[in-house]
Amino acid sequence: MNSLLNRDQKWIWHPYTQHGLNQPILPICKAQGSYLELEDGHRILDAISSWWVNGLGHCHPRIAQAISEQAEQLEHVIFAGFTHAPAVNLAEALIHATQERGAKFEKVFFSDNGSTAVEVALKMAFQFHQNRGETTRTRFLALRGSYHGDTLGAMAVGEPEGFHTCFKPLLAPVDFVEPDQIDDMKKLISQHSKEYAGMIVEPLIQGAGGMRIYSAEFLKEVYQICKSEGILLIFDEVFTGFYRTGKAFAFEKAGVIPDLICFSKILTGGFLPLAVTLATAEIFNSFKSEKLQHAFLHGHSYTANPLACAAAFATWNELSRPETQNQIKIIEKVTQKRTQALSQHPRVRQTRSLGTIGVIELHGDSGYFAEDASFMRKAALEKGVLLRPLGNVIYTAPPYCFTEDQLQFTYDVIESLINRS
């Protein structure tokens, strides 16, 4: 039998999958709005926006139209020495949107995904100091419990125990600070103040590391220390950007302006891979000289792909619509109410919410490799909801098209699973 699943099993190596466990792979034939549809016709509510990327829902018609129209004009061109309207339109929109919220970004560098956007930011921070003759600044600071991606630079600034343990021998030296423990950072600074090129954080909430929320006050202290010590502050907003925290950007909610910022995930509405790293004029100008070696010699074959840029520009316009903003408020309100109610459950250690993100942390083993995750994921799918728990942490991060009824149903399913566990 030459079914889709048989062909998949024969040829495909899936991400974050232990194929030795023979866990089921579900064949998706189409999707619309909040739902994924299986080959057999069953529908599944996508309560995590398919790894956080489908912020406006699946197959959004106006984003699809923007891609279709762009495909008839220009599908791709090398971005070294060339430019095009979709990239310029998107760059203008992002710069204006961040500047309106107090940031001082003036340049946009395009890449392909969140991990490469982080790599770009780390390399920019390092070379910024090198170009200025500050050759001792070769280390980075990061937060315990972080996840910034799966490329080597991004892994180095992520939590050293867990996802990336196997690759420790390959990773650059990084010093880690526990969120909300500013004294730890001050101690490191006193020992290595002239050695740090930058500090990278996921602002306010750490995503794949367990959806841990920490305080804006801590971030403000981090900002002040970085500023006084000449350390560039990098915000990884791959997850938190584009209204996930309730505001357009987490830096706006935190009241802290970084030197570099990374966006991806919702950027294209889930249609195409694209990422951006935004930089200040000061950082950009440090790369300008008559020597080629001072330039930022980094790029990708599909840098600033016009189709992806057109999708991203359409996505930003859709996010700004009053209807979308109203939906975000509804999701935020329901999420806060349902997570608070579950906080009293005897199986629940803690609940928390931030914007459209809801988190239920159960008693028991924590971490990505805890056994709760596979049981919860499978049981939720049987009830028609896509969840992807992080160990004992169940979370929701739905697309903004989720209705109140769909979100209430999702939390009804979560509560039933907690009762069964």
Protein backbone atom coordinates (compact mmCIF):
# COMPACT_ATOMS: atom_id res chain seq x y z
CA MET A 1 0.00 0.00 0.00
CA ASN A 2 1.62 3.22 -1.20
CA SER A 3 -0.15 5.62 1.18
CA LEU A 4 1.10 9.05 2.13
CA LEU A 5 2.09 7.78 5.59
CA ASN A 6 4.01 4.81 4.14
CA ARG A 7 5.90 7.10 1.79
CA ASP A 8 6.58 9.50 4.64
CA GLN A 9 7.90 6.70 6.83
CA LYS A 10 10.20 5.56 4.06
CA TRP A 11 11.73 8.92 3.17
CA ILE A 12 11.20 11.65 5.79
CA TRP A 13 13.26 12.57 8.86
CA HIS A 14 11.04 14.77 11.05
CA PRO A 15 12.22 17.54 13.42
CA TYR A 16 12.21 16.94 17.18
CA THR A 17 11.07 13.38 16.59
CA GLN A 18 12.44 10.15 18.04
CA HIS A 19 11.62 7.78 15.22
CA GLY A 20 12.55 4.81 17.40
CA LEU A 21 9.39 5.39 19.44
CA ASN A 22 7.16 4.90 16.38
CA GLN A 23 4.91 7.78 17.34
CA PRO A 24 2.13 8.48 14.83
CA ILE A 25 2.61 11.06 12.09
CA LEU A 26 -0.65 12.72 11.05
CA PRO A 27 -1.31 13.43 7.35
CA ILE A 28 -2.68 16.95 6.89
CA CYS A 29 -4.39 17.58 3.56
CA LYS A 30 -5.54 21.18 4.05
CA ALA A 31 -6.14 23.89 6.62
CA GLN A 32 -8.41 26.89 7.07
CA GLY A 33 -8.58 29.47 9.82
CA SER A 34 -8.21 27.78 13.20
CA TYR A 35 -8.40 24.23 11.84
CA LEU A 36 -6.12 21.63 10.33
CA GLU A 37 -7.86 18.90 8.34
CA LEU A 38 -6.58 15.34 8.26
CA GLU A 39 -6.61 13.08 5.23
CA ASP A 40 -9.62 11.23 6.65
CA GLY A 41 -11.62 14.45 7.11
CA HIS A 42 -11.14 14.91 10.85
CA ARG A 43 -10.43 18.48 11.92
CA ILE A 44 -8.02 19.62 14.63
CA LEU A 45 -8.00 22.99 16.37
CA ASP A 46 -4.51 24.47 16.09
CA ALA A 47 -4.12 25.88 19.62
CA ILE A 48 -0.38 26.57 19.20
CA SER A 49 -0.43 28.28 15.79
CA SER A 50 1.69 25.46 14.35
CA TRP A 51 4.82 26.21 16.37
CA TRP A 52 3.69 29.83 16.81
CA VAL A 53 3.85 30.91 13.16
CA ASN A 54 0.21 31.03 11.96
CA GLY A 55 -0.75 34.12 13.87
CA LEU A 56 -3.72 35.01 11.70
CA GLY A 57 -4.88 31.49 10.99
CA HIS A 58 -4.28 29.09 8.14
CA CYS A 59 -4.66 30.04 4.48
CA HIS A 60 -5.54 33.66 5.18
CA PRO A 61 -7.02 34.87 1.87
CA ARG A 62 -5.45 38.35 1.72
CA ILE A 63 -1.97 37.05 2.50
CA ALA A 64 -2.42 34.32 -0.12
CA GLN A 65 -3.53 36.96 -2.62
CA ALA A 66 -0.48 39.12 -1.88
CA ILE A 67 1.82 36.16 -2.56
CA SER A 68 -0.03 35.26 -5.75
CA GLU A 69 0.18 38.79 -7.12
CA GLN A 70 3.86 39.04 -6.24
CA ALA A 71 4.62 35.69 -7.90
CA GLU A 72 3.47 37.14 -11.20
CA GLN A 73 5.92 40.05 -10.90
CA LEU A 74 9.12 38.77 -9.26
CA GLU A 75 9.65 35.50 -7.41
CA HIS A 76 13.27 36.02 -6.34
CA VAL A 77 16.46 37.90 -7.07
CA ILE A 78 19.86 37.98 -5.41
CA PHE A 79 19.74 40.63 -2.68
CA ALA A 80 23.43 41.53 -2.80
CA GLY A 81 23.53 44.53 -5.13
CA PHE A 82 19.80 44.48 -5.92
CA THR A 83 16.60 45.55 -4.18
CA HIS A 84 12.85 45.34 -4.75
CA ALA A 85 9.62 46.90 -3.54
CA PRO A 86 8.43 44.07 -1.23
CA ALA A 87 11.62 44.28 0.85
CA VAL A 88 11.58 48.09 1.00
CA ASN A 89 7.86 48.17 1.86
CA LEU A 90 8.35 45.70 4.69
CA ALA A 91 11.48 47.40 6.05
CA GLU A 92 9.70 50.76 6.11
CA ALA A 93 6.69 49.27 7.89
CA LEU A 94 8.79 47.57 10.57
CA ILE A 95 11.04 50.56 11.18
CA HIS A 96 8.11 52.97 11.41
CA ALA A 97 6.16 50.59 13.70
CA THR A 98 9.07 50.17 16.11
CA GLN A 99 10.01 53.86 16.06
CA GLU A 100 6.42 54.82 16.85
CA ARG A 101 6.82 52.73 19.99
CA GLY A 102 10.03 54.39 21.10
CA ALA A 103 12.73 52.27 19.46
CA LYS A 104 15.62 53.75 17.49
CA PHE A 105 16.07 51.07 14.85
CA GLU A 106 16.98 52.36 11.40
CA LYS A 107 18.18 49.31 9.46
CA VAL A 108 16.67 45.92 8.62
CA PHE A 109 18.76 42.86 7.79
CA PHE A 110 16.88 39.95 6.22
CA SER A 111 17.44 36.24 6.86
CA ASP A 112 15.46 33.00 6.71
CA ASN A 113 14.25 31.96 10.19
CA GLY A 114 14.43 32.82 13.88
CA SER A 115 17.66 30.95 14.50
CA THR A 116 19.47 32.76 11.68
CA ALA A 117 18.05 36.11 12.83
CA VAL A 118 19.69 35.41 16.20
CA GLU A 119 22.95 34.37 14.52
CA VAL A 120 22.90 37.67 12.64
CA ALA A 121 22.36 39.67 15.84
CA LEU A 122 25.17 37.86 17.68
CA LYS A 123 27.59 38.35 14.79
CA MET A 124 26.62 42.01 14.46
CA ALA A 125 27.19 42.59 18.18
CA PHE A 126 30.57 40.87 18.08
CA GLN A 127 31.79 42.63 14.93
CA PHE A 128 30.45 46.00 16.12
CA HIS A 129 33.02 45.93 18.90
CA GLN A 130 35.77 44.45 16.72
CA ASN A 131 35.32 47.20 14.12
CA ARG A 132 35.70 49.77 16.90
CA GLY A 133 38.91 48.20 18.17
CA GLU A 134 37.33 46.66 21.29
CA THR A 135 38.93 43.30 20.66
CA THR A 136 38.50 41.94 24.20
CA ARG A 137 34.71 41.78 23.84
CA THR A 138 34.32 38.19 22.74
CA ARG A 139 31.79 36.77 25.23
CA PHE A 140 28.02 36.90 25.58
CA LEU A 141 25.55 36.94 28.42
CA ALA A 142 22.22 35.08 28.26
CA LEU A 143 19.43 33.87 30.54
CA ARG A 144 19.07 30.44 32.05
CA GLY A 145 16.16 28.57 30.51
CA SER A 146 16.56 30.30 27.15
CA TYR A 147 15.94 28.88 23.71
CA HIS A 148 17.13 30.89 20.72
CA GLY A 149 17.34 28.29 17.94
CA ASP A 150 19.26 25.27 16.72
CA THR A 151 22.20 26.72 14.81
CA LEU A 152 25.53 26.78 16.64
CA GLY A 153 25.53 30.43 17.70
CA ALA A 154 21.90 30.30 18.77
CA MET A 155 22.52 27.07 20.68
CA ALA A 156 25.46 28.63 22.52
CA VAL A 157 23.23 31.32 24.06
CA GLY A 158 20.45 28.85 24.85
CA GLU A 159 19.99 26.80 28.01
CA PRO A 160 23.13 24.60 28.18
CA GLU A 161 21.26 21.62 29.67
CA GLY A 162 18.48 20.02 27.64
CA PHE A 163 18.01 20.42 23.91
CA HIS A 164 21.66 21.15 23.15
CA THR A 165 23.62 19.12 25.71
CA CYS A 166 25.13 16.88 23.03
CA PHE A 167 26.68 19.86 21.24
CA LYS A 168 28.39 21.55 24.19
CA PRO A 169 31.93 20.90 22.87
CA LEU A 170 31.09 22.90 19.72
CA LEU A 171 29.65 25.96 21.42
CA ALA A 172 31.21 29.34 22.17
CA PRO A 173 31.62 30.38 25.84
CA VAL A 174 28.55 32.12 27.27
CA ASP A 175 27.75 33.20 30.84
CA PHE A 176 24.21 32.63 32.08
CA VAL A 177 22.07 34.60 34.51
CA GLU A 178 18.88 33.36 36.15
CA PRO A 179 15.90 35.61 35.26
CA ASP A 180 15.00 38.07 38.02
CA GLN A 181 18.40 37.55 39.71
CA ILE A 182 20.10 40.84 38.92
CA ASP A 183 22.83 40.30 41.54
CA ASP A 184 24.12 37.34 39.53
CA MET A 185 24.54 39.59 36.53
CA LYS A 186 26.27 42.30 38.53
CA LYS A 187 28.76 39.74 39.84
CA LEU A 188 29.61 38.56 36.32
CA ILE A 189 29.95 42.12 35.09
CA SER A 190 32.37 42.94 37.89
CA GLN A 191 34.57 40.04 36.77
CA HIS A 192 34.34 40.39 32.98
CA SER A 193 32.97 43.86 32.19
CA LYS A 194 35.21 44.50 29.17
CA GLU A 195 34.80 41.00 27.79
CA TYR A 196 31.08 41.07 26.91
CA ALA A 197 29.98 42.00 23.41
CA GLY A 198 26.28 41.57 24.06
CA MET A 199 23.48 40.10 26.11
CA ILE A 200 20.54 38.29 24.53
CA VAL A 201 17.14 37.67 26.12
CA GLU A 202 13.65 36.55 25.21
CA PRO A 203 11.82 39.55 26.67
CA LEU A 204 9.29 38.85 29.44
CA ILE A 205 8.63 35.18 28.59
CA GLN A 206 10.95 32.30 27.72
CA GLY A 207 9.19 30.18 25.11
CA ALA A 208 10.53 26.67 24.48
CA GLY A 209 12.36 26.75 27.82
CA GLY A 210 9.05 26.25 29.64
CA MET A 211 7.02 29.44 29.06
CA ARG A 212 8.64 31.07 32.10
CA ILE A 213 7.52 34.65 32.69
CA TYR A 214 9.81 37.12 34.43
CA SER A 215 9.53 40.77 35.38
CA ALA A 216 9.87 43.93 33.33
CA GLU A 217 11.71 45.45 36.31
CA PHE A 218 14.50 42.90 35.84
CA LEU A 219 14.74 43.79 32.16
CA LYS A 220 14.98 47.47 33.00
CA GLU A 221 17.89 46.80 35.34
CA VAL A 222 19.55 44.64 32.67
CA TYR A 223 19.15 47.50 30.22
CA GLN A 224 20.77 50.01 32.58
CA ILE A 225 23.72 47.73 33.26
CA CYS A 226 24.27 46.96 29.58
CA LYS A 227 24.07 50.63 28.69
CA SER A 228 26.56 51.68 31.38
CA GLU A 229 29.00 48.89 30.47
CA GLY A 230 28.86 49.28 26.68
CA ILE A 231 27.21 45.87 26.19
CA LEU A 232 24.74 45.58 23.30
CA LEU A 233 21.31 44.34 24.38
CA ILE A 234 19.62 41.92 21.98
CA PHE A 235 15.92 41.05 22.16
CA ASP A 236 14.88 37.75 20.60
CA GLU A 237 11.25 38.52 19.75
CA VAL A 238 10.86 35.58 17.39
CA PHE A 239 8.09 34.28 19.67
CA THR A 240 7.00 37.43 21.51
CA GLY A 241 6.69 39.77 18.53
CA PHE A 242 3.50 40.70 16.67
CA TYR A 243 1.03 40.91 19.57
CA ARG A 244 1.80 37.60 21.31
CA THR A 245 2.21 39.51 24.60
CA GLY A 246 -0.82 41.71 23.92
CA LYS A 247 1.31 44.57 22.60
CA ALA A 248 2.76 44.80 19.11
CA PHE A 249 6.21 44.02 20.50
CA ALA A 250 7.36 42.80 23.91
CA PHE A 251 9.88 45.66 24.20
CA GLU A 252 6.89 48.02 24.20
CA LYS A 253 5.19 46.07 27.00
CA ALA A 254 8.42 45.89 29.01
CA GLY A 255 9.34 49.54 28.48
CA VAL A 256 12.89 48.61 27.45
CA ILE A 257 14.54 49.50 24.13
CA PRO A 258 17.22 47.05 22.91
CA ASP A 259 20.06 47.72 20.46
CA LEU A 260 19.19 44.78 18.21
CA ILE A 261 15.93 42.88 17.81
CA CYS A 262 15.01 39.66 16.00
CA PHE A 263 11.63 38.80 14.44
CA SER A 264 10.29 35.74 12.62
CA LYS A 265 7.43 33.26 13.34
CA ILE A 266 4.24 35.34 12.81
CA LEU A 267 6.16 37.69 10.49
CA THR A 268 4.75 36.11 7.31
CA GLY A 269 1.52 34.81 8.82
CA GLY A 270 2.84 31.26 8.60
CA PHE A 271 3.08 31.22 4.81
CA LEU A 272 6.82 31.38 4.07
CA PRO A 273 10.17 31.35 5.90
CA LEU A 274 11.49 34.83 6.66
CA ALA A 275 13.25 36.61 9.50
CA VAL A 276 14.65 40.06 10.17
CA THR A 277 17.18 41.60 12.53
CA LEU A 278 16.71 45.32 13.20
CA ALA A 279 19.69 47.48 14.18
CA THR A 280 20.34 51.05 15.24
CA ALA A 281 22.19 53.57 13.10
CA GLU A 282 25.14 53.41 15.51
CA ILE A 283 25.57 49.70 14.91
CA PHE A 284 25.12 50.01 11.15
CA ASN A 285 27.59 52.88 10.88
CA SER A 286 30.30 50.90 12.67
CA PHE A 287 30.39 48.59 9.63
CA LYS A 288 30.81 51.41 7.08
CA SER A 289 34.34 52.00 5.88
CA GLU A 290 36.53 51.71 2.79
CA LYS A 291 37.63 48.23 3.85
CA LEU A 292 35.56 45.29 2.72
CA GLN A 293 36.54 43.29 5.80
CA HIS A 294 34.64 45.79 7.96
CA ALA A 295 31.40 44.97 6.11
CA PHE A 296 28.89 42.48 7.48
CA LEU A 297 29.82 39.50 5.33
CA HIS A 298 26.76 37.39 5.97
CA GLY A 299 23.91 36.35 3.68
CA HIS A 300 21.63 33.62 2.42
CA SER A 301 20.55 32.54 -1.03
CA TYR A 302 16.94 33.48 -0.34
CA THR A 303 17.65 36.69 1.57
CA ALA A 304 14.64 39.05 1.36
CA ASN A 305 12.69 36.71 -0.90
CA PRO A 306 10.02 38.90 -2.56
CA LEU A 307 7.20 36.39 -2.00
CA ALA A 308 7.99 36.15 1.72
CA CYS A 309 8.35 39.93 2.01
CA ALA A 310 4.97 40.42 0.30
CA ALA A 311 3.42 37.93 2.74
CA ALA A 312 4.98 39.74 5.70
CA PHE A 313 3.82 43.17 4.55
CA ALA A 314 0.28 41.83 4.12
CA THR A 315 0.49 40.17 7.54
CA TRP A 316 1.46 43.42 9.25
CA ASN A 317 -1.47 45.18 7.60
CA GLU A 318 -3.84 42.44 8.77
CA LEU A 319 -2.50 42.59 12.31
CA SER A 320 -3.26 46.30 12.40
CA ARG A 321 -6.93 45.88 11.45
CA PRO A 322 -9.48 46.68 14.22
CA GLU A 323 -11.07 43.24 13.80
CA THR A 324 -7.75 41.52 14.54
CA GLN A 325 -7.05 43.77 17.50
CA ASN A 326 -10.47 42.98 18.95
CA GLN A 327 -9.84 39.24 18.59
CA ILE A 328 -6.51 39.57 20.37
CA LYS A 329 -8.26 41.25 23.31
CA ILE A 330 -10.88 38.46 23.46
CA ILE A 331 -8.18 35.76 23.44
CA GLU A 332 -6.24 37.60 26.13
CA LYS A 333 -9.32 37.91 28.37
CA VAL A 334 -10.46 34.30 28.02
CA THR A 335 -6.92 32.97 28.46
CA GLN A 336 -6.41 34.93 31.66
CA LYS A 337 -9.75 33.79 33.09
CA ARG A 338 -9.32 30.10 32.28
CA THR A 339 -5.71 29.87 33.46
CA GLN A 340 -6.60 31.58 36.74
CA ALA A 341 -9.45 29.13 37.29
CA LEU A 342 -7.12 26.17 36.72
CA SER A 343 -4.63 27.50 39.26
CA GLN A 344 -6.79 25.96 42.01
CA HIS A 345 -6.64 22.46 40.54
CA PRO A 346 -4.77 20.00 42.82
CA ARG A 347 -2.69 18.70 39.88
CA VAL A 348 -1.54 22.20 38.95
CA ARG A 349 1.61 23.73 40.39
CA GLN A 350 1.15 27.15 38.82
CA THR A 351 -0.63 28.98 36.02
CA ARG A 352 0.40 32.15 34.24
CA SER A 353 -0.64 34.18 31.23
CA LEU A 354 0.80 36.96 29.14
CA GLY A 355 -1.20 38.45 26.30
CA THR A 356 -2.50 35.61 24.12
CA ILE A 357 -0.26 33.03 25.82
CA GLY A 358 -1.71 30.77 28.51
CA VAL A 359 0.43 28.45 30.63
CA ILE A 360 -0.52 25.61 33.00
CA GLU A 361 2.41 24.02 34.83
CA LEU A 362 1.59 20.68 36.43
CA HIS A 363 3.21 19.05 39.46
CA GLY A 364 5.79 16.47 38.47
CA ASP A 365 8.91 16.32 36.34
CA SER A 366 9.74 19.47 34.43
CA GLY A 367 11.72 19.87 31.24
CA TYR A 368 11.28 18.88 27.63
CA PHE A 369 12.02 15.20 28.24
CA ALA A 370 9.38 14.68 30.96
CA GLU A 371 6.85 11.96 30.12
CA ASP A 372 3.73 14.11 30.59
CA ALA A 373 4.28 15.76 27.20
CA SER A 374 3.70 12.75 24.92
CA PHE A 375 0.60 11.59 26.82
CA MET A 376 -0.95 15.07 26.79
CA ARG A 377 -0.16 15.64 23.13
CA LYS A 378 -1.71 12.34 22.03
CA ALA A 379 -4.77 12.66 24.27
CA ALA A 380 -5.44 16.22 23.09
CA LEU A 381 -5.27 15.16 19.44
CA GLU A 382 -7.84 12.46 20.13
CA LYS A 383 -10.16 15.21 21.33
CA GLY A 384 -9.46 17.37 18.28
CA VAL A 385 -6.94 19.89 19.66
CA LEU A 386 -3.30 20.38 18.72
CA LEU A 387 -1.22 20.99 21.85
CA ARG A 388 2.50 20.49 22.23
CA PRO A 389 3.31 20.51 25.96
CA LEU A 390 6.84 21.25 27.13
CA GLY A 391 7.24 18.46 29.64
CA ASN A 392 4.83 19.24 32.45
CA VAL A 393 3.99 22.65 30.98
CA ILE A 394 0.83 22.89 28.88
CA TYR A 395 0.41 26.12 26.96
CA THR A 396 -1.84 27.77 24.41
CA ALA A 397 -0.75 30.31 21.81
CA PRO A 398 -3.62 30.25 19.30
CA PRO A 399 -3.95 32.12 16.02
CA TYR A 400 -5.76 35.41 16.41
CA CYS A 401 -8.73 34.12 14.42
CA PHE A 402 -9.62 31.79 17.32
CA THR A 403 -13.17 32.44 18.46
CA GLU A 404 -14.14 32.55 22.12
CA ASP A 405 -15.97 29.23 21.74
CA GLN A 406 -12.91 27.58 20.20
CA LEU A 407 -10.68 28.81 23.01
CA GLN A 408 -13.18 27.76 25.69
CA PHE A 409 -13.34 24.31 24.09
CA THR A 410 -9.53 24.12 24.08
CA TYR A 411 -9.40 24.83 27.81
CA ASP A 412 -12.22 22.35 28.44
CA VAL A 413 -10.03 19.73 26.75
CA ILE A 414 -6.99 20.79 28.80
CA GLU A 415 -8.98 20.54 32.03
CA SER A 416 -10.23 17.07 31.10
CA LEU A 417 -6.68 15.95 30.40
CA ILE A 418 -5.46 17.28 33.75
CA ASN A 419 -8.28 15.39 35.46
CA ARG A 420 -7.19 12.19 33.72
CA SER A 421 -3.47 12.54 34.39
